[in-house]
Structures are given as C-alpha cells and as structure tokens.
Amino acid sequence: MKDDDENQPRRPRAPLEIGQPLDLLSVAEIDERIAALRAEIARLEAARAAKCAAGAAAEAFFKK
C-alpha cells in the first residue's frame, strides 16, 4: 500500500562520493544522483565563469 510506504522513514541518503559502488542503488536513486551531479556541475561552471570574469576585469584594470 502506498500509504504504508509514506509512513515509513526513508533511509538516510549517503553523501555523493565519486567512484562509489552503484550496484545497490535503484534506478530512481541513480536518477537523483545524476540530477544532483548535474546541478553541482552547473554550480561549478557558474563559479568558474565568475572567477574568469573577475580575473579578466582585474587584468584589464591594471593594464591601463
């Protein structure tokens, strides 16, 4: 019954770890990990772009 599943505590999620064995994960858990990793990649790309822009601005300022 779905109601019984909703009342059961969810098992705690293990932190994402690169190289972790995947054979015990369900398809839904793999999908969640993929989504989390894609979000982290987007966050890293945004941080990298911001640092590059700041570096370029500083370089342009000090070349004057």
C-alpha atoms as a PDB file:
ATOM      1  CA  MET A   1       0.000   0.000   0.000  1.00  0.00           C
ATOM      2  CA  LYS A   2       1.283   3.421  -0.849  1.00  0.00           C
ATOM      3  CA  ASP A   3       0.055   4.934   2.429  1.00  0.00           C
ATOM      4  CA  ASP A   4       2.187   2.462   4.370  1.00  0.00           C
ATOM      5  CA  ASP A   5       5.274   3.437   2.342  1.00  0.00           C
ATOM      6  CA  GLU A   6       4.719   7.125   3.056  1.00  0.00           C
ATOM      7  CA  ASN A   7       4.618   6.478   6.804  1.00  0.00           C
ATOM      8  CA  GLN A   8       7.910   4.584   6.789  1.00  0.00           C
ATOM      9  CA  PRO A   9      11.023   6.636   7.453  1.00  0.00           C
ATOM     10  CA  ARG A  10      13.221   6.954   4.412  1.00  0.00           C
ATOM     11  CA  ARG A  11      16.672   5.565   4.759  1.00  0.00           C
ATOM     12  CA  PRO A  12      19.238   8.321   5.010  1.00  0.00           C
ATOM     13  CA  ARG A  13      20.901   9.243   1.756  1.00  0.00           C
ATOM     14  CA  ALA A  14      24.571   8.549   1.565  1.00  0.00           C
ATOM     15  CA  PRO A  15      26.637  11.555   0.565  1.00  0.00           C
ATOM     16  CA  LEU A  16      27.686  11.618  -3.051  1.00  0.00           C
ATOM     17  CA  GLU A  17      31.108  10.116  -3.415  1.00  0.00           C
ATOM     18  CA  ILE A  18      32.904   9.771  -6.730  1.00  0.00           C
ATOM     19  CA  GLY A  19      33.629   6.129  -7.525  1.00  0.00           C
ATOM     20  CA  GLN A  20      31.081   4.761  -5.065  1.00  0.00           C
ATOM     21  CA  PRO A  21      29.636   1.329  -5.977  1.00  0.00           C
ATOM     22  CA  LEU A  22      26.351   1.759  -7.827  1.00  0.00           C
ATOM     23  CA  ASP A  23      25.047  -1.809  -7.890  1.00  0.00           C
ATOM     24  CA  LEU A  24      22.895  -1.395  -4.769  1.00  0.00           C
ATOM     25  CA  LEU A  25      21.164   1.780  -5.995  1.00  0.00           C
ATOM     26  CA  SER A  26      17.721   1.757  -7.557  1.00  0.00           C
ATOM     27  CA  VAL A  27      17.059   3.430 -10.907  1.00  0.00           C
ATOM     28  CA  ALA A  28      15.338   6.290  -9.060  1.00  0.00           C
ATOM     29  CA  GLU A  29      18.358   6.749  -6.781  1.00  0.00           C
ATOM     30  CA  ILE A  30      20.675   6.783  -9.794  1.00  0.00           C
ATOM     31  CA  ASP A  31      18.443   9.412 -11.436  1.00  0.00           C
ATOM     32  CA  GLU A  32      18.589  11.506  -8.233  1.00  0.00           C
ATOM     33  CA  ARG A  33      22.379  11.267  -8.179  1.00  0.00           C
ATOM     34  CA  ILE A  34      22.607  12.268 -11.851  1.00  0.00           C
ATOM     35  CA  ALA A  35      20.393  15.300 -11.172  1.00  0.00           C
ATOM     36  CA  ALA A  36      22.472  16.259  -8.120  1.00  0.00           C
ATOM     37  CA  LEU A  37      25.717  15.930 -10.079  1.00  0.00           C
ATOM     38  CA  ARG A  38      24.345  17.987 -12.981  1.00  0.00           C
ATOM     39  CA  ALA A  39      23.318  20.705 -10.525  1.00  0.00           C
ATOM     40  CA  GLU A  40      26.795  20.633  -8.978  1.00  0.00           C
ATOM     41  CA  ILE A  41      28.418  20.863 -12.423  1.00  0.00           C
ATOM     42  CA  ALA A  42      26.248  23.902 -13.233  1.00  0.00           C
ATOM     43  CA  ARG A  43      27.248  25.494  -9.912  1.00  0.00           C
ATOM     44  CA  LEU A  44      30.921  24.851 -10.595  1.00  0.00           C
ATOM     45  CA  GLU A  45      30.669  26.241 -14.135  1.00  0.00           C
ATOM     46  CA  ALA A  46      28.998  29.407 -12.823  1.00  0.00           C
ATOM     47  CA  ALA A  47      31.698  29.856 -10.173  1.00  0.00           C
ATOM     48  CA  ARG A  48      34.411  29.309 -12.783  1.00  0.00           C
ATOM     49  CA  ALA A  49      32.825  31.851 -15.144  1.00  0.00           C
ATOM     50  CA  ALA A  50      32.582  34.406 -12.328  1.00  0.00           C
ATOM     51  CA  LYS A  51      36.235  33.913 -11.401  1.00  0.00           C
ATOM     52  CA  CYS A  52      37.317  34.214 -15.036  1.00  0.00           C
ATOM     53  CA  ALA A  53      35.293  37.407 -15.436  1.00  0.00           C
ATOM     54  CA  ALA A  54      36.764  38.879 -12.254  1.00  0.00           C
ATOM     55  CA  GLY A  55      40.258  37.944 -13.371  1.00  0.00           C
ATOM     56  CA  ALA A  56      39.729  39.481 -16.810  1.00  0.00           C
ATOM     57  CA  ALA A  57      38.335  42.673 -15.251  1.00  0.00           C
ATOM     58  CA  ALA A  58      41.304  42.964 -12.882  1.00  0.00           C
ATOM     59  CA  GLU A  59      43.727  42.322 -15.719  1.00  0.00           C
ATOM     60  CA  ALA A  60      42.067  44.973 -17.890  1.00  0.00           C
ATOM     61  CA  PHE A  61      42.106  47.461 -14.998  1.00  0.00           C
ATOM     62  CA  PHE A  62      45.790  47.009 -14.226  1.00  0.00           C
ATOM     63  CA  LYS A  63      46.929  47.052 -17.875  1.00  0.00           C
ATOM     64  CA  LYS A  64      45.852  50.700 -18.218  1.00  0.00           C
END
